[in-house]
Amino acid sequence: MTARDDEKPEAMFAQQLALYADILRDCSAGGLQRASNIYERDTYRKIQDVALELFALATGEPPAALEPLRATVFARPAPFPVAEGAVIDDDGKILLIRRADNGLWAFPGGGLDVGESPAQGTVREVLEETGVSCEPVVLVGINDSRLYGTRSRHHLYHILFLCRPLAHIDVITPPSHVQEVLDCSWFAEHDLPSNIDPGHRPRIPEAFRVWRGDLRAFFDR
């Protein structure tokens, strides 16, 4: 069963509506960057307005709550790359965070900054959210958010690295971005928490597969 097989029709409709909104968001962002006159800019702003309204319908959020996204998310074309770290120690325990936004356990990670590589972004995000210093070992895979149950209004590319913790560097307590995390802890593969983010649960076995020595990187086909 894939992450989509047991979804209710209304949830699937909302996901499809969000995808259409994201396509329009991408078109409007690229168009506004290339627009050469006021008429073209007006046209792409109208497309942006429609995208925002569709996002509001798909997520149940009021349009006014999404207005701040015009200057950030809506100004950026293309899907969003997200870097995440599957940090596994020598005892085979994986480091997970419990996210503040939904209360679910997940890999530490987040959006990449301009000027950093995916591996650098992974190290930064792990340190910010957990206080643990780590180093990337190998790429686990790249996943399309639409295919793995990720709860996001936007189309994401999840870039997951297997990482090892750097035991000789003390853990920072509290981490710099503690407001984003309710808790963080180490878990054995067969003793994982029950409330794992649905976009992360199917990728944890992939991380352990690579940790055991199968170095084939996953990608959606």
N, C-alpha and C. Protein backbone atom coordinates (compact mmCIF):
# COMPACT_ATOMS: atom_id res chain seq x y z
N MET A 1 0.84 -1.20 0.00
CA MET A 1 0.00 0.00 0.00
C MET A 1 0.87 1.24 0.00
N THR A 2 0.62 2.17 -0.89
CA THR A 2 1.37 3.42 -0.89
C THR A 2 0.73 4.39 0.07
N ALA A 3 1.38 5.54 0.24
CA ALA A 3 0.88 6.54 1.18
C ALA A 3 -0.46 7.12 0.75
N ARG A 4 -0.82 6.91 -0.53
CA ARG A 4 -2.03 7.51 -1.05
C ARG A 4 -3.21 6.55 -1.05
N ASP A 5 -2.96 5.23 -0.93
CA ASP A 5 -4.01 4.25 -1.14
C ASP A 5 -5.16 4.36 -0.14
N ASP A 6 -4.89 4.76 1.11
CA ASP A 6 -5.92 4.79 2.13
C ASP A 6 -6.44 6.20 2.39
N GLU A 7 -6.14 7.14 1.51
CA GLU A 7 -6.60 8.51 1.70
C GLU A 7 -8.08 8.64 1.35
N LYS A 8 -8.78 9.49 2.07
CA LYS A 8 -10.17 9.75 1.79
C LYS A 8 -10.28 10.64 0.56
N PRO A 9 -11.41 10.55 -0.18
CA PRO A 9 -11.55 11.36 -1.40
C PRO A 9 -11.38 12.85 -1.16
N GLU A 10 -11.89 13.36 -0.02
CA GLU A 10 -11.77 14.80 0.23
C GLU A 10 -10.32 15.21 0.47
N ALA A 11 -9.57 14.31 1.11
CA ALA A 11 -8.15 14.61 1.32
C ALA A 11 -7.38 14.58 0.01
N MET A 12 -7.72 13.63 -0.86
CA MET A 12 -7.08 13.56 -2.17
C MET A 12 -7.44 14.77 -3.01
N PHE A 13 -8.69 15.23 -2.90
CA PHE A 13 -9.10 16.43 -3.65
C PHE A 13 -8.33 17.65 -3.16
N ALA A 14 -8.19 17.79 -1.83
CA ALA A 14 -7.45 18.92 -1.28
C ALA A 14 -6.00 18.89 -1.72
N GLN A 15 -5.42 17.68 -1.76
CA GLN A 15 -4.03 17.56 -2.20
C GLN A 15 -3.89 17.94 -3.67
N GLN A 16 -4.85 17.52 -4.50
CA GLN A 16 -4.79 17.87 -5.92
C GLN A 16 -5.00 19.36 -6.11
N LEU A 17 -5.91 19.94 -5.33
CA LEU A 17 -6.15 21.38 -5.41
C LEU A 17 -4.89 22.15 -5.01
N ALA A 18 -4.20 21.68 -3.98
CA ALA A 18 -2.96 22.33 -3.56
C ALA A 18 -1.89 22.23 -4.64
N LEU A 19 -1.87 21.10 -5.35
CA LEU A 19 -0.91 20.94 -6.44
C LEU A 19 -1.19 21.94 -7.56
N TYR A 20 -2.47 22.10 -7.93
CA TYR A 20 -2.82 23.08 -8.96
C TYR A 20 -2.43 24.49 -8.50
N ALA A 21 -2.66 24.77 -7.21
CA ALA A 21 -2.29 26.08 -6.67
C ALA A 21 -0.78 26.28 -6.74
N ASP A 22 -0.03 25.22 -6.47
CA ASP A 22 1.42 25.33 -6.48
C ASP A 22 1.93 25.55 -7.91
N ILE A 23 1.28 24.92 -8.88
CA ILE A 23 1.66 25.13 -10.28
C ILE A 23 1.43 26.59 -10.66
N LEU A 24 0.29 27.13 -10.26
CA LEU A 24 0.01 28.55 -10.55
C LEU A 24 0.98 29.46 -9.80
N ARG A 25 1.30 29.10 -8.54
CA ARG A 25 2.27 29.88 -7.79
C ARG A 25 3.61 29.92 -8.52
N ASP A 26 4.03 28.77 -9.02
CA ASP A 26 5.30 28.68 -9.74
C ASP A 26 5.26 29.52 -11.02
N CYS A 27 4.15 29.42 -11.76
CA CYS A 27 4.01 30.20 -13.00
C CYS A 27 4.04 31.70 -12.72
N SER A 28 3.34 32.12 -11.67
CA SER A 28 3.29 33.55 -11.37
C SER A 28 4.64 34.06 -10.89
N ALA A 29 5.36 33.26 -10.09
CA ALA A 29 6.67 33.69 -9.60
C ALA A 29 7.65 33.84 -10.76
N GLY A 30 7.67 32.85 -11.65
CA GLY A 30 8.56 32.96 -12.81
C GLY A 30 8.15 34.08 -13.74
N GLY A 31 6.84 34.26 -13.92
CA GLY A 31 6.37 35.33 -14.79
C GLY A 31 6.70 36.71 -14.26
N LEU A 32 6.55 36.90 -12.95
CA LEU A 32 6.87 38.20 -12.37
C LEU A 32 8.36 38.51 -12.45
N GLN A 33 9.19 37.47 -12.42
CA GLN A 33 10.62 37.70 -12.57
C GLN A 33 10.99 38.11 -14.00
N ARG A 34 10.21 37.62 -14.97
CA ARG A 34 10.54 37.89 -16.38
C ARG A 34 9.72 39.02 -16.99
N ALA A 35 8.69 39.48 -16.29
CA ALA A 35 7.78 40.49 -16.86
C ALA A 35 8.54 41.75 -17.25
N SER A 36 8.22 42.26 -18.45
CA SER A 36 8.94 43.42 -18.97
C SER A 36 8.10 44.69 -18.98
N ASN A 37 6.81 44.57 -18.62
CA ASN A 37 5.97 45.77 -18.61
C ASN A 37 4.86 45.60 -17.59
N ILE A 38 4.14 46.66 -17.31
CA ILE A 38 3.11 46.68 -16.27
C ILE A 38 1.96 45.73 -16.59
N TYR A 39 1.67 45.53 -17.88
CA TYR A 39 0.55 44.67 -18.26
C TYR A 39 0.87 43.20 -17.94
N GLU A 40 2.10 42.80 -18.22
CA GLU A 40 2.50 41.43 -17.89
C GLU A 40 2.52 41.23 -16.37
N ARG A 41 3.01 42.21 -15.65
CA ARG A 41 3.05 42.09 -14.19
C ARG A 41 1.64 41.99 -13.61
N ASP A 42 0.70 42.76 -14.16
CA ASP A 42 -0.69 42.68 -13.68
C ASP A 42 -1.27 41.29 -13.92
N THR A 43 -0.96 40.72 -15.08
CA THR A 43 -1.47 39.39 -15.42
C THR A 43 -0.94 38.35 -14.43
N TYR A 44 0.35 38.40 -14.16
CA TYR A 44 0.93 37.39 -13.27
C TYR A 44 0.51 37.61 -11.82
N ARG A 45 0.22 38.85 -11.45
CA ARG A 45 -0.29 39.09 -10.10
C ARG A 45 -1.70 38.50 -9.95
N LYS A 46 -2.49 38.56 -11.02
CA LYS A 46 -3.82 37.94 -10.98
C LYS A 46 -3.70 36.43 -10.82
N ILE A 47 -2.74 35.84 -11.52
CA ILE A 47 -2.50 34.40 -11.37
C ILE A 47 -2.09 34.09 -9.93
N GLN A 48 -1.26 34.96 -9.36
CA GLN A 48 -0.84 34.80 -7.97
C GLN A 48 -2.03 34.88 -7.02
N ASP A 49 -2.96 35.81 -7.30
CA ASP A 49 -4.17 35.93 -6.48
C ASP A 49 -4.97 34.63 -6.49
N VAL A 50 -5.12 34.05 -7.70
CA VAL A 50 -5.87 32.80 -7.82
C VAL A 50 -5.16 31.68 -7.07
N ALA A 51 -3.83 31.62 -7.18
CA ALA A 51 -3.07 30.59 -6.47
C ALA A 51 -3.28 30.70 -4.96
N LEU A 52 -3.26 31.91 -4.46
CA LEU A 52 -3.45 32.11 -3.03
C LEU A 52 -4.85 31.67 -2.60
N GLU A 53 -5.86 32.01 -3.38
CA GLU A 53 -7.23 31.60 -3.05
C GLU A 53 -7.37 30.08 -3.08
N LEU A 54 -6.72 29.43 -4.05
CA LEU A 54 -6.79 27.97 -4.12
C LEU A 54 -6.08 27.32 -2.93
N PHE A 55 -4.94 27.89 -2.52
CA PHE A 55 -4.26 27.37 -1.33
C PHE A 55 -5.17 27.49 -0.11
N ALA A 56 -5.88 28.60 0.00
CA ALA A 56 -6.79 28.80 1.12
C ALA A 56 -7.90 27.73 1.12
N LEU A 57 -8.43 27.45 -0.05
CA LEU A 57 -9.47 26.42 -0.16
C LEU A 57 -8.92 25.04 0.17
N ALA A 58 -7.70 24.76 -0.28
CA ALA A 58 -7.11 23.43 -0.08
C ALA A 58 -6.76 23.18 1.37
N THR A 59 -6.35 24.21 2.08
CA THR A 59 -5.86 24.03 3.45
C THR A 59 -6.87 24.43 4.52
N GLY A 60 -7.93 25.14 4.13
CA GLY A 60 -8.90 25.61 5.11
C GLY A 60 -8.43 26.84 5.86
N GLU A 61 -7.33 27.43 5.44
CA GLU A 61 -6.84 28.64 6.08
C GLU A 61 -7.46 29.87 5.43
N PRO A 62 -7.69 30.94 6.17
CA PRO A 62 -8.23 32.16 5.57
C PRO A 62 -7.20 32.80 4.64
N PRO A 63 -7.62 33.38 3.52
CA PRO A 63 -6.67 34.02 2.60
C PRO A 63 -5.79 35.05 3.28
N ALA A 64 -6.34 35.78 4.26
CA ALA A 64 -5.54 36.80 4.94
C ALA A 64 -4.33 36.19 5.66
N ALA A 65 -4.47 34.96 6.13
CA ALA A 65 -3.36 34.32 6.83
C ALA A 65 -2.23 33.95 5.88
N LEU A 66 -2.55 33.81 4.59
CA LEU A 66 -1.55 33.44 3.60
C LEU A 66 -0.90 34.64 2.93
N GLU A 67 -1.43 35.83 3.16
CA GLU A 67 -0.91 37.03 2.50
C GLU A 67 0.59 37.24 2.72
N PRO A 68 1.13 36.99 3.93
CA PRO A 68 2.58 37.18 4.11
C PRO A 68 3.44 36.32 3.20
N LEU A 69 2.87 35.25 2.64
CA LEU A 69 3.63 34.36 1.78
C LEU A 69 3.95 34.99 0.42
N ARG A 70 3.26 36.07 0.08
CA ARG A 70 3.52 36.70 -1.22
C ARG A 70 4.98 37.13 -1.35
N ALA A 71 5.54 37.62 -0.26
CA ALA A 71 6.90 38.15 -0.32
C ALA A 71 7.97 37.07 -0.16
N THR A 72 7.56 35.86 0.18
CA THR A 72 8.54 34.79 0.40
C THR A 72 8.25 33.61 -0.52
N VAL A 73 7.32 32.76 -0.12
CA VAL A 73 7.03 31.54 -0.88
C VAL A 73 6.54 31.84 -2.29
N PHE A 74 5.66 32.83 -2.43
CA PHE A 74 5.07 33.12 -3.73
C PHE A 74 6.04 33.83 -4.67
N ALA A 75 7.13 34.32 -4.14
CA ALA A 75 8.12 35.00 -4.97
C ALA A 75 9.15 34.02 -5.52
N ARG A 76 9.04 32.76 -5.14
CA ARG A 76 10.06 31.77 -5.51
C ARG A 76 9.49 30.70 -6.43
N PRO A 77 10.00 30.60 -7.66
CA PRO A 77 9.50 29.57 -8.57
C PRO A 77 10.07 28.19 -8.25
N ALA A 78 9.43 27.15 -8.80
CA ALA A 78 9.91 25.77 -8.74
C ALA A 78 9.60 25.11 -7.40
N PRO A 79 9.67 23.76 -7.35
CA PRO A 79 9.49 23.04 -6.09
C PRO A 79 10.56 23.43 -5.08
N PHE A 80 10.28 23.17 -3.81
CA PHE A 80 11.18 23.55 -2.73
C PHE A 80 12.07 22.37 -2.33
N PRO A 81 13.39 22.55 -2.31
CA PRO A 81 14.27 21.48 -1.81
C PRO A 81 14.35 21.53 -0.29
N VAL A 82 14.22 20.38 0.33
CA VAL A 82 14.29 20.26 1.79
C VAL A 82 15.38 19.24 2.13
N ALA A 83 16.32 19.62 2.98
CA ALA A 83 17.40 18.73 3.39
C ALA A 83 17.11 18.16 4.77
N GLU A 84 17.30 16.84 4.91
CA GLU A 84 17.01 16.16 6.18
C GLU A 84 18.13 15.19 6.52
N GLY A 85 18.33 14.98 7.82
CA GLY A 85 19.38 14.09 8.27
C GLY A 85 18.85 12.87 8.99
N ALA A 86 19.21 11.69 8.50
CA ALA A 86 18.96 10.44 9.22
C ALA A 86 20.22 10.15 10.03
N VAL A 87 20.26 10.70 11.24
CA VAL A 87 21.46 10.58 12.09
C VAL A 87 21.35 9.28 12.89
N ILE A 88 22.23 8.32 12.59
CA ILE A 88 22.21 7.02 13.26
C ILE A 88 23.55 6.80 13.95
N ASP A 89 23.51 6.45 15.24
CA ASP A 89 24.76 6.28 15.99
C ASP A 89 25.28 4.85 15.86
N ASP A 90 26.40 4.58 16.52
CA ASP A 90 27.04 3.26 16.41
C ASP A 90 26.20 2.14 17.00
N ASP A 91 25.25 2.49 17.86
CA ASP A 91 24.37 1.48 18.46
C ASP A 91 23.13 1.23 17.61
N GLY A 92 23.04 1.90 16.48
CA GLY A 92 21.89 1.69 15.60
C GLY A 92 20.66 2.45 16.02
N LYS A 93 20.84 3.54 16.76
CA LYS A 93 19.71 4.36 17.16
C LYS A 93 19.66 5.61 16.29
N ILE A 94 18.44 6.00 15.91
CA ILE A 94 18.24 7.13 15.02
C ILE A 94 17.71 8.33 15.81
N LEU A 95 18.17 9.50 15.43
CA LEU A 95 17.79 10.75 16.11
C LEU A 95 16.56 11.34 15.41
N LEU A 96 15.48 11.51 16.16
CA LEU A 96 14.26 12.10 15.63
C LEU A 96 13.85 13.30 16.48
N ILE A 97 13.11 14.21 15.85
CA ILE A 97 12.56 15.35 16.58
C ILE A 97 11.04 15.25 16.59
N ARG A 98 10.43 15.85 17.61
CA ARG A 98 8.97 15.98 17.61
C ARG A 98 8.66 17.44 17.27
N ARG A 99 8.07 17.61 16.10
CA ARG A 99 7.89 18.93 15.54
C ARG A 99 6.88 19.75 16.34
N ALA A 100 7.16 21.04 16.46
CA ALA A 100 6.25 21.93 17.18
C ALA A 100 5.00 22.24 16.40
N ASP A 101 5.07 22.16 15.06
CA ASP A 101 3.91 22.56 14.25
C ASP A 101 2.80 21.52 14.22
N ASN A 102 3.16 20.22 14.36
CA ASN A 102 2.11 19.20 14.32
C ASN A 102 2.23 18.13 15.41
N GLY A 103 3.28 18.21 16.24
CA GLY A 103 3.43 17.26 17.34
C GLY A 103 3.89 15.88 16.93
N LEU A 104 4.30 15.70 15.67
CA LEU A 104 4.69 14.39 15.17
C LEU A 104 6.21 14.27 15.11
N TRP A 105 6.70 13.03 15.21
CA TRP A 105 8.13 12.75 15.15
C TRP A 105 8.58 12.71 13.69
N ALA A 106 9.80 13.19 13.45
CA ALA A 106 10.29 13.32 12.08
C ALA A 106 11.81 13.42 12.08
N PHE A 107 12.39 13.32 10.89
CA PHE A 107 13.82 13.62 10.74
C PHE A 107 14.04 15.11 11.04
N PRO A 108 15.14 15.49 11.64
CA PRO A 108 15.48 16.91 11.66
C PRO A 108 15.82 17.37 10.25
N GLY A 109 15.38 18.57 9.92
CA GLY A 109 15.65 19.08 8.57
C GLY A 109 14.82 20.31 8.28
N GLY A 110 15.03 20.85 7.09
CA GLY A 110 14.28 22.04 6.70
C GLY A 110 14.73 22.56 5.36
N GLY A 111 14.22 23.72 4.98
CA GLY A 111 14.51 24.31 3.69
C GLY A 111 15.96 24.74 3.58
N LEU A 112 16.50 24.62 2.37
CA LEU A 112 17.88 25.00 2.11
C LEU A 112 18.00 26.51 1.93
N ASP A 113 19.13 27.04 2.38
CA ASP A 113 19.43 28.45 2.18
C ASP A 113 20.20 28.63 0.88
N VAL A 114 20.02 29.77 0.26
CA VAL A 114 20.80 30.10 -0.93
C VAL A 114 22.27 30.11 -0.56
N GLY A 115 23.09 29.46 -1.37
CA GLY A 115 24.53 29.46 -1.15
C GLY A 115 25.06 28.27 -0.40
N GLU A 116 24.19 27.33 0.05
CA GLU A 116 24.68 26.14 0.73
C GLU A 116 24.28 24.90 -0.06
N SER A 117 25.09 23.87 0.05
CA SER A 117 24.78 22.61 -0.61
C SER A 117 23.77 21.83 0.23
N PRO A 118 23.11 20.82 -0.37
CA PRO A 118 22.18 20.00 0.43
C PRO A 118 22.85 19.37 1.65
N ALA A 119 24.09 18.91 1.50
CA ALA A 119 24.79 18.31 2.64
C ALA A 119 25.05 19.34 3.73
N GLN A 120 25.47 20.54 3.33
CA GLN A 120 25.70 21.60 4.31
C GLN A 120 24.40 21.98 5.02
N GLY A 121 23.31 22.05 4.25
CA GLY A 121 22.02 22.38 4.84
C GLY A 121 21.56 21.33 5.83
N THR A 122 21.84 20.07 5.55
CA THR A 122 21.49 18.99 6.47
C THR A 122 22.21 19.15 7.80
N VAL A 123 23.52 19.38 7.74
CA VAL A 123 24.30 19.57 8.96
C VAL A 123 23.77 20.76 9.77
N ARG A 124 23.49 21.85 9.08
CA ARG A 124 22.98 23.05 9.76
C ARG A 124 21.64 22.78 10.43
N GLU A 125 20.72 22.16 9.70
CA GLU A 125 19.38 21.91 10.24
C GLU A 125 19.43 20.96 11.43
N VAL A 126 20.23 19.92 11.36
CA VAL A 126 20.34 18.98 12.48
C VAL A 126 20.86 19.71 13.72
N LEU A 127 21.89 20.54 13.53
CA LEU A 127 22.46 21.27 14.66
C LEU A 127 21.45 22.26 15.24
N GLU A 128 20.75 22.98 14.37
CA GLU A 128 19.79 23.98 14.84
C GLU A 128 18.65 23.36 15.62
N GLU A 129 18.17 22.19 15.19
CA GLU A 129 16.98 21.60 15.79
C GLU A 129 17.27 20.64 16.94
N THR A 130 18.47 20.06 16.96
CA THR A 130 18.77 19.06 18.00
C THR A 130 19.97 19.42 18.85
N GLY A 131 20.84 20.32 18.38
CA GLY A 131 22.07 20.61 19.08
C GLY A 131 23.16 19.59 18.84
N VAL A 132 22.89 18.57 18.00
CA VAL A 132 23.85 17.51 17.70
C VAL A 132 24.65 17.86 16.45
N SER A 133 25.98 17.80 16.56
CA SER A 133 26.83 17.98 15.39
C SER A 133 26.97 16.65 14.67
N CYS A 134 26.90 16.68 13.35
CA CYS A 134 26.97 15.44 12.59
C CYS A 134 27.71 15.69 11.28
N GLU A 135 28.01 14.62 10.58
CA GLU A 135 28.59 14.73 9.25
C GLU A 135 27.84 13.79 8.31
N PRO A 136 27.57 14.25 7.08
CA PRO A 136 26.89 13.38 6.11
C PRO A 136 27.81 12.24 5.68
N VAL A 137 27.22 11.07 5.51
CA VAL A 137 27.98 9.89 5.10
C VAL A 137 27.65 9.52 3.66
N VAL A 138 26.38 9.45 3.35
CA VAL A 138 25.96 9.04 2.01
C VAL A 138 24.52 9.49 1.78
N LEU A 139 24.16 9.69 0.54
CA LEU A 139 22.80 10.07 0.19
C LEU A 139 21.88 8.85 0.30
N VAL A 140 20.81 8.99 1.09
CA VAL A 140 19.81 7.92 1.20
C VAL A 140 18.87 7.96 0.01
N GLY A 141 18.42 9.17 -0.36
CA GLY A 141 17.52 9.28 -1.49
C GLY A 141 16.90 10.65 -1.61
N ILE A 142 16.19 10.82 -2.71
CA ILE A 142 15.42 12.04 -2.96
C ILE A 142 13.98 11.63 -3.20
N ASN A 143 13.07 12.17 -2.39
CA ASN A 143 11.66 11.79 -2.45
C ASN A 143 10.78 12.97 -2.85
N ASP A 144 9.78 12.68 -3.64
CA ASP A 144 8.76 13.65 -4.03
C ASP A 144 7.69 13.69 -2.94
N SER A 145 7.44 14.86 -2.39
CA SER A 145 6.51 14.97 -1.26
C SER A 145 5.11 14.47 -1.59
N ARG A 146 4.72 14.57 -2.86
CA ARG A 146 3.36 14.18 -3.25
C ARG A 146 3.14 12.68 -3.13
N LEU A 147 4.22 11.90 -3.12
CA LEU A 147 4.11 10.45 -3.18
C LEU A 147 4.29 9.78 -1.82
N TYR A 148 4.60 10.55 -0.78
CA TYR A 148 4.93 9.95 0.50
C TYR A 148 4.14 10.51 1.66
N GLY A 149 3.01 11.12 1.36
CA GLY A 149 2.12 11.54 2.44
C GLY A 149 2.56 12.77 3.19
N THR A 150 3.50 13.54 2.64
CA THR A 150 3.94 14.76 3.32
C THR A 150 2.79 15.75 3.42
N ARG A 151 2.59 16.29 4.61
CA ARG A 151 1.51 17.25 4.82
C ARG A 151 2.06 18.65 4.61
N SER A 152 2.03 19.10 3.37
CA SER A 152 2.54 20.41 3.01
C SER A 152 1.67 20.99 1.92
N ARG A 153 1.45 22.29 1.99
CA ARG A 153 0.67 22.93 0.92
C ARG A 153 1.50 23.08 -0.34
N HIS A 154 2.82 22.87 -0.24
CA HIS A 154 3.71 23.09 -1.38
C HIS A 154 4.40 21.80 -1.80
N HIS A 155 4.79 21.77 -3.07
CA HIS A 155 5.51 20.63 -3.64
C HIS A 155 6.96 20.69 -3.16
N LEU A 156 7.42 19.61 -2.49
CA LEU A 156 8.76 19.57 -1.92
C LEU A 156 9.56 18.43 -2.51
N TYR A 157 10.87 18.61 -2.57
CA TYR A 157 11.80 17.52 -2.84
C TYR A 157 12.58 17.27 -1.54
N HIS A 158 12.38 16.10 -0.93
CA HIS A 158 13.05 15.73 0.31
C HIS A 158 14.40 15.08 -0.04
N ILE A 159 15.49 15.70 0.37
CA ILE A 159 16.84 15.17 0.15
C ILE A 159 17.33 14.63 1.49
N LEU A 160 17.44 13.31 1.59
CA LEU A 160 17.76 12.68 2.87
C LEU A 160 19.18 12.10 2.85
N PHE A 161 19.99 12.52 3.83
CA PHE A 161 21.34 12.01 3.98
C PHE A 161 21.44 11.14 5.23
N LEU A 162 22.16 10.02 5.10
CA LEU A 162 22.58 9.28 6.28
C LEU A 162 23.73 10.05 6.91
N CYS A 163 23.64 10.29 8.21
CA CYS A 163 24.67 11.06 8.91
C CYS A 163 25.14 10.30 10.14
N ARG A 164 26.37 10.58 10.55
CA ARG A 164 26.88 10.05 11.81
C ARG A 164 27.08 11.20 12.80
N PRO A 165 26.71 10.99 14.05
CA PRO A 165 26.94 12.04 15.06
C PRO A 165 28.42 12.16 15.36
N LEU A 166 28.86 13.38 15.64
CA LEU A 166 30.25 13.61 16.01
C LEU A 166 30.35 13.59 17.53
N ALA A 167 30.78 12.45 18.04
CA ALA A 167 30.76 12.23 19.49
C ALA A 167 31.74 13.14 20.23
N HIS A 168 32.75 13.63 19.54
CA HIS A 168 33.76 14.45 20.22
C HIS A 168 33.33 15.90 20.38
N ILE A 169 32.15 16.25 19.84
CA ILE A 169 31.63 17.61 19.96
C ILE A 169 30.41 17.58 20.87
N ASP A 170 30.42 18.40 21.90
CA ASP A 170 29.33 18.42 22.87
C ASP A 170 28.02 18.85 22.22
N VAL A 171 26.94 18.26 22.71
CA VAL A 171 25.60 18.64 22.25
C VAL A 171 25.25 20.03 22.79
N ILE A 172 24.71 20.88 21.93
CA ILE A 172 24.29 22.22 22.35
C ILE A 172 22.91 22.14 23.00
N THR A 173 22.80 22.57 24.23
CA THR A 173 21.55 22.52 24.97
C THR A 173 21.24 23.88 25.59
N PRO A 174 20.10 24.48 25.22
CA PRO A 174 19.16 24.03 24.21
C PRO A 174 19.67 24.37 22.81
N PRO A 175 19.16 23.69 21.78
CA PRO A 175 19.57 24.03 20.41
C PRO A 175 19.08 25.42 20.03
N SER A 176 19.67 25.99 18.99
CA SER A 176 19.37 27.38 18.63
C SER A 176 17.94 27.57 18.17
N HIS A 177 17.33 26.53 17.57
CA HIS A 177 15.97 26.66 17.05
C HIS A 177 15.00 25.81 17.87
N VAL A 178 15.15 25.90 19.18
CA VAL A 178 14.35 25.07 20.08
C VAL A 178 12.86 25.35 19.93
N GLN A 179 12.48 26.53 19.45
CA GLN A 179 11.07 26.86 19.28
C GLN A 179 10.39 26.01 18.21
N GLU A 180 11.18 25.37 17.35
CA GLU A 180 10.63 24.55 16.28
C GLU A 180 10.43 23.10 16.71
N VAL A 181 10.92 22.75 17.90
CA VAL A 181 10.98 21.34 18.30
C VAL A 181 10.42 21.18 19.71
N LEU A 182 9.50 20.24 19.88
CA LEU A 182 8.96 19.94 21.20
C LEU A 182 9.86 18.99 21.98
N ASP A 183 10.55 18.12 21.24
CA ASP A 183 11.39 17.12 21.89
C ASP A 183 12.31 16.52 20.84
N CYS A 184 13.39 15.91 21.27
CA CYS A 184 14.23 15.12 20.37
C CYS A 184 14.79 13.95 21.17
N SER A 185 14.95 12.81 20.49
CA SER A 185 15.38 11.61 21.21
C SER A 185 15.94 10.60 20.22
N TRP A 186 16.66 9.61 20.76
CA TRP A 186 17.23 8.53 19.97
C TRP A 186 16.34 7.30 20.10
N PHE A 187 16.11 6.61 18.97
CA PHE A 187 15.22 5.45 18.95
C PHE A 187 15.88 4.28 18.23
N ALA A 188 15.69 3.07 18.78
CA ALA A 188 16.10 1.86 18.08
C ALA A 188 15.14 1.61 16.92
N GLU A 189 15.61 0.93 15.90
CA GLU A 189 14.80 0.71 14.70
C GLU A 189 13.49 0.01 15.01
N HIS A 190 13.48 -0.89 15.95
CA HIS A 190 12.27 -1.66 16.27
C HIS A 190 11.56 -1.12 17.50
N ASP A 191 11.88 0.09 17.89
CA ASP A 191 11.22 0.72 19.04
C ASP A 191 10.95 2.19 18.73
N LEU A 192 10.40 2.42 17.55
CA LEU A 192 10.11 3.79 17.10
C LEU A 192 8.82 4.29 17.73
N PRO A 193 8.66 5.61 17.87
CA PRO A 193 7.39 6.14 18.39
C PRO A 193 6.26 5.88 17.41
N SER A 194 5.06 5.82 17.91
CA SER A 194 3.90 5.51 17.05
C SER A 194 3.47 6.70 16.21
N ASN A 195 3.63 7.89 16.75
CA ASN A 195 3.12 9.08 16.06
C ASN A 195 4.23 9.75 15.23
N ILE A 196 4.62 9.06 14.14
CA ILE A 196 5.62 9.58 13.22
C ILE A 196 4.93 10.28 12.07
N ASP A 197 5.47 11.39 11.65
CA ASP A 197 4.92 12.13 10.52
C ASP A 197 4.79 11.19 9.32
N PRO A 198 3.62 11.15 8.66
CA PRO A 198 3.42 10.19 7.57
C PRO A 198 4.37 10.39 6.39
N GLY A 199 4.91 11.60 6.23
CA GLY A 199 5.87 11.82 5.17
C GLY A 199 7.27 11.32 5.50
N HIS A 200 7.48 10.94 6.75
CA HIS A 200 8.80 10.48 7.20
C HIS A 200 8.82 8.98 7.49
N ARG A 201 7.70 8.43 7.94
CA ARG A 201 7.67 7.02 8.36
C ARG A 201 8.21 6.07 7.29
N PRO A 202 7.77 6.14 6.02
CA PRO A 202 8.25 5.15 5.05
C PRO A 202 9.71 5.33 4.65
N ARG A 203 10.32 6.45 5.05
CA ARG A 203 11.71 6.68 4.67
C ARG A 203 12.71 6.27 5.74
N ILE A 204 12.21 6.00 6.95
CA ILE A 204 13.11 5.53 8.01
C ILE A 204 13.72 4.17 7.66
N PRO A 205 12.94 3.19 7.16
CA PRO A 205 13.57 1.93 6.74
C PRO A 205 14.61 2.11 5.65
N GLU A 206 14.40 3.10 4.77
CA GLU A 206 15.39 3.38 3.74
C GLU A 206 16.72 3.82 4.36
N ALA A 207 16.62 4.64 5.41
CA ALA A 207 17.83 5.11 6.09
C ALA A 207 18.59 3.94 6.72
N PHE A 208 17.86 3.03 7.37
CA PHE A 208 18.52 1.89 7.99
C PHE A 208 19.08 0.93 6.94
N ARG A 209 18.42 0.83 5.78
CA ARG A 209 18.94 -0.01 4.69
C ARG A 209 20.33 0.48 4.27
N VAL A 210 20.44 1.80 4.09
CA VAL A 210 21.72 2.37 3.69
C VAL A 210 22.74 2.24 4.82
N TRP A 211 22.30 2.43 6.06
CA TRP A 211 23.20 2.30 7.22
C TRP A 211 23.80 0.90 7.29
N ARG A 212 23.05 -0.11 6.85
CA ARG A 212 23.54 -1.49 6.88
C ARG A 212 24.50 -1.78 5.72
N GLY A 213 24.65 -0.84 4.79
CA GLY A 213 25.64 -1.04 3.74
C GLY A 213 25.11 -1.09 2.33
N ASP A 214 23.77 -1.06 2.16
CA ASP A 214 23.20 -1.01 0.81
C ASP A 214 23.20 0.45 0.38
N LEU A 215 24.17 0.85 -0.41
CA LEU A 215 24.41 2.26 -0.69
C LEU A 215 23.66 2.79 -1.90
N ARG A 216 22.70 2.03 -2.41
CA ARG A 216 21.91 2.52 -3.53
C ARG A 216 20.97 3.65 -3.07
N ALA A 217 21.08 4.80 -3.70
CA ALA A 217 20.23 5.94 -3.34
C ALA A 217 18.84 5.74 -3.95
N PHE A 218 17.81 6.06 -3.16
CA PHE A 218 16.44 5.94 -3.64
C PHE A 218 16.05 7.17 -4.44
N PHE A 219 15.25 6.96 -5.48
CA PHE A 219 14.59 8.07 -6.17
C PHE A 219 13.27 7.57 -6.72
N ASP A 220 12.30 8.47 -6.80
CA ASP A 220 10.97 8.11 -7.28
C ASP A 220 11.01 7.82 -8.77
N ARG A 221 10.36 6.74 -9.15
CA ARG A 221 10.31 6.37 -10.57
C ARG A 221 8.91 6.57 -11.11
